[in-house]
Amino acid sequence: MKTQYFTASSLDGYIATEDDSIDWLFPLGDINATSYPAFFAQVGALAMGSSTYEWMLRHTQAVADQTGSAWPYPQPTWVFSRRPLPAIPDATLHFVQGDVRPVHAAMRAAAGDKNLWIVGGGDLAGQFHDAGLLDEIIVQVASVTLGRGKPLFPRRLTTPPLILTSARQVGPGLAELHYQVPAVPPRSTPRS
């Protein structure tokens, strides 16, 4: 079982614009041509931040048109938010806040032998890293720049550096990079 942060990023390191738009991503390729379908088949539980969840709320009709359901994840999902958010019908959702460690334990219990997906955002993935719980980062780097926005991973990771385990081109607009996160002791004060 791995805890994985799988996301897409602009070439200059942003996962969304300042207003949480990812419209720049959709013209760049077919998600089915990437490793996403195989990755997703191995996911047993998800965690996402409130901005990611609110994007899902704003786009339920578009998601339903593409996937047949307003909520495309059959797995249980933990949503980190400091404020109340409406639930999407028929989704197995747990609204939480604070330390990621007890949530990670609950996700592990729910996932069985499958992997845990930290959907986003970058700061939430960083909190899992800070707690020593992130095993892998998979990023699809897009051939666009945004200039500013929501950062891919707002942490300084220099020692030890991530370990690149694979890189491949996906169509004319994406490079898919897989990184192993070296084991480091968790930081003593987790973010909330």
N, C-alpha and C. Protein backbone atom coordinates (compact mmCIF):
# COMPACT_ATOMS: atom_id res chain seq x y z
N MET A 1 0.84 -1.18 0.00
CA MET A 1 0.00 0.00 0.00
C MET A 1 0.89 1.24 0.00
N LYS A 2 0.57 2.17 -0.91
CA LYS A 2 1.32 3.42 -1.00
C LYS A 2 0.37 4.60 -0.80
N THR A 3 0.92 5.69 -0.30
CA THR A 3 0.20 6.95 -0.26
C THR A 3 0.79 7.81 -1.37
N GLN A 4 -0.05 8.15 -2.35
CA GLN A 4 0.42 8.79 -3.59
C GLN A 4 -0.29 10.13 -3.83
N TYR A 5 0.49 11.09 -4.27
CA TYR A 5 -0.03 12.37 -4.72
C TYR A 5 0.06 12.35 -6.24
N PHE A 6 -1.08 12.20 -6.92
CA PHE A 6 -1.14 12.16 -8.38
C PHE A 6 -1.87 13.41 -8.82
N THR A 7 -1.21 14.21 -9.69
CA THR A 7 -1.81 15.47 -10.11
C THR A 7 -1.22 15.90 -11.44
N ALA A 8 -1.73 16.99 -11.96
CA ALA A 8 -1.17 17.63 -13.15
C ALA A 8 -0.68 19.01 -12.76
N SER A 9 0.34 19.48 -13.46
CA SER A 9 0.93 20.78 -13.16
C SER A 9 1.31 21.49 -14.45
N SER A 10 1.26 22.81 -14.41
CA SER A 10 1.81 23.59 -15.52
C SER A 10 3.33 23.45 -15.48
N LEU A 11 3.98 23.82 -16.55
CA LEU A 11 5.43 23.75 -16.63
C LEU A 11 6.09 24.58 -15.54
N ASP A 12 5.44 25.68 -15.14
CA ASP A 12 6.01 26.53 -14.10
C ASP A 12 5.51 26.19 -12.69
N GLY A 13 4.92 25.01 -12.52
CA GLY A 13 4.67 24.48 -11.18
C GLY A 13 3.36 24.81 -10.50
N TYR A 14 2.30 25.05 -11.27
CA TYR A 14 1.00 25.34 -10.68
C TYR A 14 -0.03 24.29 -11.06
N ILE A 15 -0.86 23.88 -10.09
CA ILE A 15 -1.88 22.88 -10.37
C ILE A 15 -3.22 23.51 -10.73
N ALA A 16 -3.36 24.79 -10.47
CA ALA A 16 -4.59 25.51 -10.80
C ALA A 16 -4.27 27.00 -10.86
N THR A 17 -5.14 27.74 -11.50
CA THR A 17 -4.98 29.19 -11.51
C THR A 17 -5.33 29.75 -10.13
N GLU A 18 -5.16 31.03 -9.95
CA GLU A 18 -5.47 31.64 -8.66
C GLU A 18 -6.93 31.49 -8.27
N ASP A 19 -7.82 31.38 -9.27
CA ASP A 19 -9.24 31.19 -8.98
C ASP A 19 -9.66 29.72 -9.08
N ASP A 20 -8.69 28.81 -8.94
CA ASP A 20 -8.91 27.36 -8.88
C ASP A 20 -9.39 26.74 -10.19
N SER A 21 -9.13 27.39 -11.31
CA SER A 21 -9.50 26.82 -12.60
C SER A 21 -8.43 25.84 -13.09
N ILE A 22 -8.90 24.74 -13.69
CA ILE A 22 -7.98 23.81 -14.36
C ILE A 22 -8.38 23.64 -15.83
N ASP A 23 -9.11 24.63 -16.34
CA ASP A 23 -9.54 24.58 -17.74
C ASP A 23 -8.37 24.50 -18.71
N TRP A 24 -7.20 25.02 -18.35
CA TRP A 24 -6.01 24.98 -19.18
C TRP A 24 -5.54 23.55 -19.44
N LEU A 25 -5.94 22.62 -18.58
CA LEU A 25 -5.45 21.25 -18.66
C LEU A 25 -6.18 20.41 -19.71
N PHE A 26 -7.47 20.59 -19.84
CA PHE A 26 -8.30 19.69 -20.64
C PHE A 26 -7.92 19.59 -22.11
N PRO A 27 -7.47 20.67 -22.78
CA PRO A 27 -7.13 20.53 -24.19
C PRO A 27 -5.81 19.78 -24.46
N LEU A 28 -5.08 19.42 -23.41
CA LEU A 28 -3.72 18.90 -23.60
C LEU A 28 -3.62 17.41 -23.84
N GLY A 29 -4.70 16.67 -23.72
CA GLY A 29 -4.59 15.25 -24.00
C GLY A 29 -5.72 14.45 -23.39
N ASP A 30 -5.71 13.18 -23.72
CA ASP A 30 -6.72 12.23 -23.26
C ASP A 30 -6.20 11.54 -22.01
N ILE A 31 -6.93 11.67 -20.92
CA ILE A 31 -6.50 11.07 -19.65
C ILE A 31 -6.35 9.55 -19.76
N ASN A 32 -7.10 8.94 -20.66
CA ASN A 32 -7.01 7.49 -20.84
C ASN A 32 -5.71 7.05 -21.51
N ALA A 33 -4.96 8.01 -22.09
CA ALA A 33 -3.66 7.69 -22.68
C ALA A 33 -2.53 7.78 -21.65
N THR A 34 -2.88 8.19 -20.44
CA THR A 34 -1.88 8.32 -19.37
C THR A 34 -1.94 7.09 -18.47
N SER A 35 -1.17 7.11 -17.40
CA SER A 35 -1.21 6.00 -16.45
C SER A 35 -2.39 6.11 -15.49
N TYR A 36 -3.21 7.15 -15.62
CA TYR A 36 -4.30 7.36 -14.68
C TYR A 36 -5.24 6.17 -14.56
N PRO A 37 -5.75 5.55 -15.64
CA PRO A 37 -6.68 4.43 -15.46
C PRO A 37 -6.07 3.29 -14.63
N ALA A 38 -4.83 2.92 -14.89
CA ALA A 38 -4.19 1.86 -14.11
C ALA A 38 -3.96 2.31 -12.67
N PHE A 39 -3.54 3.56 -12.50
CA PHE A 39 -3.35 4.13 -11.16
C PHE A 39 -4.66 4.06 -10.38
N PHE A 40 -5.74 4.57 -10.98
CA PHE A 40 -7.02 4.67 -10.30
C PHE A 40 -7.57 3.30 -9.90
N ALA A 41 -7.30 2.28 -10.70
CA ALA A 41 -7.77 0.93 -10.39
C ALA A 41 -7.17 0.40 -9.10
N GLN A 42 -6.05 0.99 -8.67
CA GLN A 42 -5.37 0.53 -7.45
C GLN A 42 -5.64 1.44 -6.25
N VAL A 43 -6.58 2.39 -6.38
CA VAL A 43 -6.87 3.34 -5.30
C VAL A 43 -8.01 2.80 -4.44
N GLY A 44 -7.78 2.80 -3.12
CA GLY A 44 -8.80 2.33 -2.18
C GLY A 44 -9.44 3.42 -1.36
N ALA A 45 -8.79 4.59 -1.26
CA ALA A 45 -9.34 5.71 -0.50
C ALA A 45 -8.68 6.99 -0.98
N LEU A 46 -9.39 8.12 -0.84
CA LEU A 46 -8.91 9.41 -1.34
C LEU A 46 -8.96 10.46 -0.24
N ALA A 47 -8.07 11.45 -0.36
CA ALA A 47 -8.13 12.65 0.48
C ALA A 47 -8.01 13.85 -0.44
N MET A 48 -8.78 14.89 -0.15
CA MET A 48 -8.69 16.12 -0.93
C MET A 48 -8.96 17.31 -0.03
N GLY A 49 -8.43 18.45 -0.45
CA GLY A 49 -8.67 19.69 0.25
C GLY A 49 -9.99 20.31 -0.16
N SER A 50 -10.36 21.36 0.54
CA SER A 50 -11.65 22.00 0.28
C SER A 50 -11.72 22.64 -1.10
N SER A 51 -10.62 23.21 -1.60
CA SER A 51 -10.66 23.84 -2.94
C SER A 51 -10.90 22.80 -4.02
N THR A 52 -10.28 21.63 -3.89
CA THR A 52 -10.50 20.55 -4.86
C THR A 52 -11.94 20.08 -4.80
N TYR A 53 -12.45 19.88 -3.59
CA TYR A 53 -13.82 19.43 -3.43
C TYR A 53 -14.80 20.47 -3.97
N GLU A 54 -14.54 21.75 -3.70
CA GLU A 54 -15.44 22.80 -4.21
C GLU A 54 -15.41 22.87 -5.73
N TRP A 55 -14.26 22.55 -6.35
CA TRP A 55 -14.22 22.48 -7.81
C TRP A 55 -15.16 21.36 -8.27
N MET A 56 -15.13 20.23 -7.57
CA MET A 56 -16.03 19.12 -7.92
C MET A 56 -17.49 19.56 -7.78
N LEU A 57 -17.80 20.30 -6.71
CA LEU A 57 -19.17 20.78 -6.52
C LEU A 57 -19.60 21.69 -7.66
N ARG A 58 -18.71 22.58 -8.09
CA ARG A 58 -19.06 23.52 -9.17
C ARG A 58 -19.20 22.83 -10.52
N HIS A 59 -18.62 21.66 -10.69
CA HIS A 59 -18.60 20.99 -11.98
C HIS A 59 -19.32 19.64 -11.98
N THR A 60 -20.30 19.47 -11.08
CA THR A 60 -20.97 18.18 -10.99
C THR A 60 -21.64 17.79 -12.31
N GLN A 61 -22.22 18.75 -13.02
CA GLN A 61 -22.89 18.40 -14.28
C GLN A 61 -21.88 17.96 -15.33
N ALA A 62 -20.77 18.68 -15.45
CA ALA A 62 -19.75 18.29 -16.43
C ALA A 62 -19.15 16.93 -16.08
N VAL A 63 -18.93 16.69 -14.78
CA VAL A 63 -18.41 15.40 -14.35
C VAL A 63 -19.42 14.30 -14.67
N ALA A 64 -20.69 14.55 -14.40
CA ALA A 64 -21.74 13.57 -14.69
C ALA A 64 -21.82 13.29 -16.19
N ASP A 65 -21.68 14.32 -17.02
CA ASP A 65 -21.72 14.13 -18.47
C ASP A 65 -20.59 13.24 -18.95
N GLN A 66 -19.41 13.36 -18.31
CA GLN A 66 -18.25 12.57 -18.73
C GLN A 66 -18.23 11.18 -18.13
N THR A 67 -18.68 11.05 -16.87
CA THR A 67 -18.50 9.78 -16.17
C THR A 67 -19.80 9.05 -15.86
N GLY A 68 -20.93 9.73 -16.03
CA GLY A 68 -22.22 9.12 -15.71
C GLY A 68 -22.65 9.33 -14.27
N SER A 69 -21.83 10.04 -13.49
CA SER A 69 -22.15 10.30 -12.09
C SER A 69 -21.57 11.65 -11.68
N ALA A 70 -22.30 12.37 -10.84
CA ALA A 70 -21.79 13.66 -10.35
C ALA A 70 -20.56 13.47 -9.47
N TRP A 71 -20.39 12.28 -8.90
CA TRP A 71 -19.22 11.96 -8.08
C TRP A 71 -18.57 10.71 -8.67
N PRO A 72 -17.40 10.85 -9.30
CA PRO A 72 -16.82 9.74 -10.06
C PRO A 72 -16.01 8.75 -9.23
N TYR A 73 -15.99 8.90 -7.92
CA TYR A 73 -15.13 8.06 -7.08
C TYR A 73 -15.97 7.11 -6.22
N PRO A 74 -15.91 5.82 -6.48
CA PRO A 74 -16.64 4.88 -5.62
C PRO A 74 -15.95 4.67 -4.26
N GLN A 75 -14.70 5.06 -4.16
CA GLN A 75 -13.95 4.89 -2.93
C GLN A 75 -14.37 5.92 -1.88
N PRO A 76 -14.18 5.60 -0.60
CA PRO A 76 -14.43 6.61 0.44
C PRO A 76 -13.43 7.75 0.30
N THR A 77 -13.92 8.96 0.58
CA THR A 77 -13.11 10.17 0.39
C THR A 77 -13.16 11.02 1.65
N TRP A 78 -11.99 11.47 2.08
CA TRP A 78 -11.87 12.38 3.22
C TRP A 78 -11.60 13.77 2.67
N VAL A 79 -12.45 14.73 3.04
CA VAL A 79 -12.34 16.11 2.57
C VAL A 79 -11.90 16.98 3.75
N PHE A 80 -10.73 17.59 3.61
CA PHE A 80 -10.21 18.48 4.65
C PHE A 80 -10.78 19.88 4.44
N SER A 81 -11.50 20.37 5.44
CA SER A 81 -12.08 21.71 5.34
C SER A 81 -12.30 22.27 6.74
N ARG A 82 -12.07 23.55 6.87
CA ARG A 82 -12.33 24.23 8.14
C ARG A 82 -13.75 24.81 8.19
N ARG A 83 -14.50 24.66 7.12
CA ARG A 83 -15.85 25.21 7.09
C ARG A 83 -16.81 24.13 6.58
N PRO A 84 -18.08 24.24 6.91
CA PRO A 84 -19.06 23.25 6.43
C PRO A 84 -19.20 23.32 4.91
N LEU A 85 -19.29 22.16 4.30
CA LEU A 85 -19.49 22.06 2.86
C LEU A 85 -20.64 21.09 2.59
N PRO A 86 -21.41 21.33 1.54
CA PRO A 86 -22.50 20.40 1.23
C PRO A 86 -21.94 19.08 0.69
N ALA A 87 -22.65 18.02 0.98
CA ALA A 87 -22.25 16.70 0.49
C ALA A 87 -22.83 16.47 -0.90
N ILE A 88 -22.10 15.76 -1.72
CA ILE A 88 -22.60 15.34 -3.02
C ILE A 88 -23.36 14.03 -2.80
N PRO A 89 -24.62 13.95 -3.28
CA PRO A 89 -25.40 12.73 -3.07
C PRO A 89 -24.68 11.49 -3.59
N ASP A 90 -24.85 10.41 -2.88
CA ASP A 90 -24.32 9.08 -3.23
C ASP A 90 -22.80 8.99 -3.14
N ALA A 91 -22.14 9.97 -2.56
CA ALA A 91 -20.70 9.92 -2.36
C ALA A 91 -20.42 9.51 -0.91
N THR A 92 -19.41 8.68 -0.71
CA THR A 92 -18.99 8.29 0.64
C THR A 92 -17.95 9.30 1.09
N LEU A 93 -18.41 10.32 1.83
CA LEU A 93 -17.57 11.45 2.21
C LEU A 93 -17.41 11.55 3.72
N HIS A 94 -16.21 11.93 4.13
CA HIS A 94 -15.90 12.21 5.53
C HIS A 94 -15.28 13.59 5.56
N PHE A 95 -15.94 14.55 6.20
CA PHE A 95 -15.40 15.90 6.30
C PHE A 95 -14.57 15.99 7.58
N VAL A 96 -13.31 16.39 7.42
CA VAL A 96 -12.36 16.38 8.54
C VAL A 96 -11.53 17.65 8.52
N GLN A 97 -10.80 17.86 9.61
CA GLN A 97 -9.84 18.95 9.67
C GLN A 97 -8.75 18.56 10.65
N GLY A 98 -7.64 19.29 10.60
CA GLY A 98 -6.57 19.06 11.56
C GLY A 98 -5.51 18.10 11.06
N ASP A 99 -4.91 17.40 11.99
CA ASP A 99 -3.78 16.52 11.76
C ASP A 99 -4.13 15.42 10.75
N VAL A 100 -3.26 15.21 9.77
CA VAL A 100 -3.52 14.20 8.74
C VAL A 100 -3.28 12.78 9.23
N ARG A 101 -2.53 12.60 10.32
CA ARG A 101 -2.16 11.25 10.77
C ARG A 101 -3.35 10.37 11.13
N PRO A 102 -4.32 10.83 11.93
CA PRO A 102 -5.45 9.95 12.21
C PRO A 102 -6.31 9.69 10.97
N VAL A 103 -6.38 10.67 10.08
CA VAL A 103 -7.13 10.47 8.83
C VAL A 103 -6.43 9.42 7.97
N HIS A 104 -5.11 9.49 7.91
CA HIS A 104 -4.34 8.50 7.15
C HIS A 104 -4.62 7.09 7.69
N ALA A 105 -4.66 6.95 9.02
CA ALA A 105 -4.95 5.64 9.61
C ALA A 105 -6.34 5.16 9.22
N ALA A 106 -7.33 6.05 9.23
CA ALA A 106 -8.69 5.68 8.82
C ALA A 106 -8.74 5.31 7.34
N MET A 107 -8.01 6.05 6.52
CA MET A 107 -7.96 5.76 5.09
C MET A 107 -7.34 4.37 4.85
N ARG A 108 -6.27 4.08 5.56
CA ARG A 108 -5.61 2.76 5.42
C ARG A 108 -6.58 1.64 5.77
N ALA A 109 -7.33 1.83 6.85
CA ALA A 109 -8.29 0.81 7.26
C ALA A 109 -9.37 0.61 6.20
N ALA A 110 -9.80 1.69 5.58
CA ALA A 110 -10.87 1.61 4.57
C ALA A 110 -10.37 1.05 3.24
N ALA A 111 -9.09 1.28 2.92
CA ALA A 111 -8.56 0.92 1.59
C ALA A 111 -8.19 -0.54 1.45
N GLY A 112 -8.12 -1.28 2.53
CA GLY A 112 -7.68 -2.67 2.42
C GLY A 112 -6.23 -2.71 1.98
N ASP A 113 -5.95 -3.44 0.90
CA ASP A 113 -4.57 -3.51 0.40
C ASP A 113 -4.32 -2.56 -0.77
N LYS A 114 -5.27 -1.65 -1.02
CA LYS A 114 -5.11 -0.70 -2.13
C LYS A 114 -4.41 0.57 -1.67
N ASN A 115 -4.05 1.41 -2.63
CA ASN A 115 -3.31 2.63 -2.36
C ASN A 115 -4.22 3.77 -1.92
N LEU A 116 -3.57 4.79 -1.33
CA LEU A 116 -4.26 6.00 -0.91
C LEU A 116 -3.86 7.12 -1.85
N TRP A 117 -4.86 7.87 -2.34
CA TRP A 117 -4.60 8.96 -3.29
C TRP A 117 -4.85 10.29 -2.61
N ILE A 118 -3.81 11.10 -2.55
CA ILE A 118 -3.96 12.48 -2.11
C ILE A 118 -4.24 13.27 -3.39
N VAL A 119 -5.51 13.60 -3.60
CA VAL A 119 -5.94 14.21 -4.86
C VAL A 119 -5.39 15.63 -5.00
N GLY A 120 -5.42 16.39 -3.96
CA GLY A 120 -4.94 17.76 -3.98
C GLY A 120 -5.64 18.54 -2.90
N GLY A 121 -5.16 19.67 -2.67
CA GLY A 121 -4.10 20.39 -3.34
C GLY A 121 -2.72 20.10 -2.80
N GLY A 122 -1.82 20.95 -3.30
CA GLY A 122 -0.42 20.79 -2.98
C GLY A 122 -0.11 20.92 -1.51
N ASP A 123 -0.78 21.83 -0.81
CA ASP A 123 -0.50 21.98 0.61
C ASP A 123 -0.95 20.75 1.38
N LEU A 124 -2.09 20.15 1.01
CA LEU A 124 -2.53 18.94 1.68
C LEU A 124 -1.52 17.82 1.46
N ALA A 125 -1.05 17.66 0.24
CA ALA A 125 -0.01 16.65 -0.03
C ALA A 125 1.22 16.95 0.82
N GLY A 126 1.55 18.22 0.96
CA GLY A 126 2.68 18.62 1.79
C GLY A 126 2.49 18.25 3.25
N GLN A 127 1.26 18.35 3.74
CA GLN A 127 0.99 17.96 5.13
C GLN A 127 1.21 16.46 5.33
N PHE A 128 0.80 15.65 4.36
CA PHE A 128 1.07 14.21 4.44
C PHE A 128 2.58 13.96 4.41
N HIS A 129 3.30 14.72 3.58
CA HIS A 129 4.76 14.60 3.54
C HIS A 129 5.37 14.98 4.89
N ASP A 130 4.92 16.10 5.45
CA ASP A 130 5.46 16.57 6.72
C ASP A 130 5.29 15.53 7.82
N ALA A 131 4.21 14.74 7.74
CA ALA A 131 3.94 13.71 8.74
C ALA A 131 4.67 12.40 8.42
N GLY A 132 5.47 12.38 7.33
CA GLY A 132 6.19 11.17 6.95
C GLY A 132 5.31 10.11 6.33
N LEU A 133 4.19 10.52 5.72
CA LEU A 133 3.21 9.57 5.21
C LEU A 133 3.10 9.52 3.69
N LEU A 134 3.86 10.32 2.96
CA LEU A 134 3.76 10.36 1.50
C LEU A 134 4.85 9.49 0.89
N ASP A 135 4.45 8.55 0.03
CA ASP A 135 5.39 7.61 -0.57
C ASP A 135 5.79 7.96 -2.00
N GLU A 136 4.88 8.58 -2.75
CA GLU A 136 5.13 8.77 -4.18
C GLU A 136 4.43 10.02 -4.67
N ILE A 137 5.06 10.72 -5.60
CA ILE A 137 4.45 11.84 -6.30
C ILE A 137 4.45 11.51 -7.78
N ILE A 138 3.28 11.56 -8.38
CA ILE A 138 3.12 11.34 -9.82
C ILE A 138 2.56 12.63 -10.38
N VAL A 139 3.29 13.26 -11.27
CA VAL A 139 2.85 14.54 -11.80
C VAL A 139 2.89 14.52 -13.32
N GLN A 140 1.82 14.97 -13.92
CA GLN A 140 1.76 15.15 -15.37
C GLN A 140 2.05 16.62 -15.63
N VAL A 141 3.22 16.88 -16.16
CA VAL A 141 3.66 18.25 -16.40
C VAL A 141 3.18 18.67 -17.79
N ALA A 142 2.39 19.74 -17.81
CA ALA A 142 1.77 20.21 -19.04
C ALA A 142 2.64 21.24 -19.75
N SER A 143 2.47 21.33 -21.04
CA SER A 143 3.26 22.24 -21.87
C SER A 143 2.66 23.64 -21.92
N VAL A 144 2.23 24.13 -20.76
CA VAL A 144 1.70 25.49 -20.62
C VAL A 144 2.31 26.12 -19.38
N THR A 145 2.34 27.44 -19.34
CA THR A 145 2.74 28.15 -18.12
C THR A 145 1.58 29.04 -17.69
N LEU A 146 1.44 29.22 -16.39
CA LEU A 146 0.34 30.01 -15.85
C LEU A 146 0.80 31.32 -15.22
N GLY A 147 2.08 31.43 -14.91
CA GLY A 147 2.59 32.65 -14.32
C GLY A 147 2.39 32.76 -12.82
N ARG A 148 1.26 32.30 -12.35
CA ARG A 148 0.98 32.23 -10.92
C ARG A 148 -0.27 31.37 -10.73
N GLY A 149 -0.50 31.00 -9.49
CA GLY A 149 -1.65 30.15 -9.19
C GLY A 149 -1.41 29.34 -7.94
N LYS A 150 -2.02 28.15 -7.89
CA LYS A 150 -1.90 27.25 -6.75
C LYS A 150 -0.69 26.34 -6.98
N PRO A 151 0.31 26.39 -6.10
CA PRO A 151 1.55 25.65 -6.34
C PRO A 151 1.38 24.14 -6.26
N LEU A 152 2.18 23.46 -7.03
CA LEU A 152 2.20 22.00 -7.07
C LEU A 152 2.49 21.40 -5.70
N PHE A 153 3.51 21.93 -5.01
CA PHE A 153 3.94 21.35 -3.74
C PHE A 153 4.66 22.44 -2.96
N PRO A 154 3.92 23.22 -2.16
CA PRO A 154 4.53 24.36 -1.50
C PRO A 154 5.41 23.96 -0.30
N ARG A 155 6.44 23.23 -0.60
CA ARG A 155 7.41 22.79 0.38
C ARG A 155 8.79 22.84 -0.26
N ARG A 156 9.80 23.03 0.55
CA ARG A 156 11.17 22.93 0.07
C ARG A 156 11.64 21.51 0.34
N LEU A 157 11.90 20.77 -0.74
CA LEU A 157 12.42 19.41 -0.62
C LEU A 157 13.77 19.37 -1.31
N THR A 158 14.82 19.41 -0.52
CA THR A 158 16.16 19.40 -1.11
C THR A 158 17.02 18.27 -0.58
N THR A 159 16.87 17.92 0.70
CA THR A 159 17.69 16.88 1.29
C THR A 159 16.83 15.97 2.13
N PRO A 160 16.64 14.74 1.73
CA PRO A 160 17.09 14.17 0.47
C PRO A 160 16.14 14.56 -0.66
N PRO A 161 16.64 14.61 -1.89
CA PRO A 161 15.77 14.94 -3.02
C PRO A 161 14.84 13.77 -3.36
N LEU A 162 13.78 14.09 -4.08
CA LEU A 162 12.91 13.03 -4.61
C LEU A 162 13.71 12.16 -5.56
N ILE A 163 13.29 10.91 -5.71
CA ILE A 163 13.97 9.96 -6.60
C ILE A 163 13.10 9.73 -7.82
N LEU A 164 13.56 10.16 -8.99
CA LEU A 164 12.82 9.96 -10.23
C LEU A 164 12.87 8.47 -10.60
N THR A 165 11.69 7.83 -10.70
CA THR A 165 11.64 6.41 -11.04
C THR A 165 11.20 6.16 -12.47
N SER A 166 10.49 7.12 -13.08
CA SER A 166 10.15 6.98 -14.49
C SER A 166 9.71 8.33 -15.06
N ALA A 167 9.87 8.44 -16.37
CA ALA A 167 9.44 9.63 -17.10
C ALA A 167 9.01 9.18 -18.49
N ARG A 168 7.86 9.69 -18.94
CA ARG A 168 7.43 9.35 -20.29
C ARG A 168 6.61 10.47 -20.88
N GLN A 169 6.67 10.57 -22.19
CA GLN A 169 5.87 11.55 -22.91
C GLN A 169 4.47 10.99 -23.11
N VAL A 170 3.46 11.84 -22.93
CA VAL A 170 2.07 11.47 -23.17
C VAL A 170 1.52 12.47 -24.18
N GLY A 171 1.51 12.08 -25.44
CA GLY A 171 1.05 12.98 -26.49
C GLY A 171 1.96 14.18 -26.61
N PRO A 172 1.50 15.21 -27.34
CA PRO A 172 2.36 16.37 -27.55
C PRO A 172 2.39 17.36 -26.40
N GLY A 173 1.52 17.17 -25.38
CA GLY A 173 1.40 18.21 -24.37
C GLY A 173 1.72 17.84 -22.94
N LEU A 174 2.07 16.59 -22.66
CA LEU A 174 2.30 16.19 -21.27
C LEU A 174 3.54 15.32 -21.13
N ALA A 175 4.23 15.47 -20.03
CA ALA A 175 5.28 14.55 -19.61
C ALA A 175 4.85 14.02 -18.25
N GLU A 176 4.85 12.70 -18.10
CA GLU A 176 4.43 12.10 -16.84
C GLU A 176 5.67 11.65 -16.06
N LEU A 177 5.81 12.18 -14.85
CA LEU A 177 6.97 11.91 -14.01
C LEU A 177 6.53 11.19 -12.74
N HIS A 178 7.24 10.13 -12.40
CA HIS A 178 6.98 9.39 -11.16
C HIS A 178 8.19 9.57 -10.25
N TYR A 179 7.91 10.01 -9.01
CA TYR A 179 8.96 10.21 -8.03
C TYR A 179 8.67 9.40 -6.77
N GLN A 180 9.69 8.75 -6.26
CA GLN A 180 9.61 8.12 -4.95
C GLN A 180 10.00 9.19 -3.93
N VAL A 181 9.27 9.23 -2.83
CA VAL A 181 9.59 10.16 -1.75
C VAL A 181 10.47 9.41 -0.75
N PRO A 182 11.72 9.84 -0.59
CA PRO A 182 12.58 9.14 0.38
C PRO A 182 12.02 9.26 1.80
N ALA A 183 12.22 8.22 2.57
CA ALA A 183 11.75 8.24 3.96
C ALA A 183 12.53 9.28 4.75
N VAL A 184 11.80 10.14 5.41
CA VAL A 184 12.41 11.14 6.30
C VAL A 184 11.61 11.14 7.59
N PRO A 185 12.24 11.48 8.70
CA PRO A 185 11.48 11.54 9.95
C PRO A 185 10.38 12.59 9.84
N PRO A 186 9.20 12.32 10.38
CA PRO A 186 8.14 13.33 10.33
C PRO A 186 8.52 14.56 11.13
N ARG A 187 8.01 15.70 10.68
CA ARG A 187 8.21 16.94 11.43
C ARG A 187 7.46 16.85 12.74
N SER A 188 7.97 17.45 13.77
CA SER A 188 7.38 17.30 15.09
C SER A 188 6.05 18.03 15.25
N THR A 189 5.82 19.08 14.49
CA THR A 189 4.58 19.83 14.63
C THR A 189 3.81 19.77 13.33
N PRO A 190 2.81 18.85 13.24
CA PRO A 190 2.02 18.77 12.01
C PRO A 190 1.15 20.00 11.84
N ARG A 191 0.90 20.35 10.58
CA ARG A 191 0.03 21.50 10.28
C ARG A 191 -1.41 21.09 10.46
N SER A 192 -2.24 22.03 10.75
CA SER A 192 -3.67 21.72 10.87
C SER A 192 -4.47 22.46 9.85
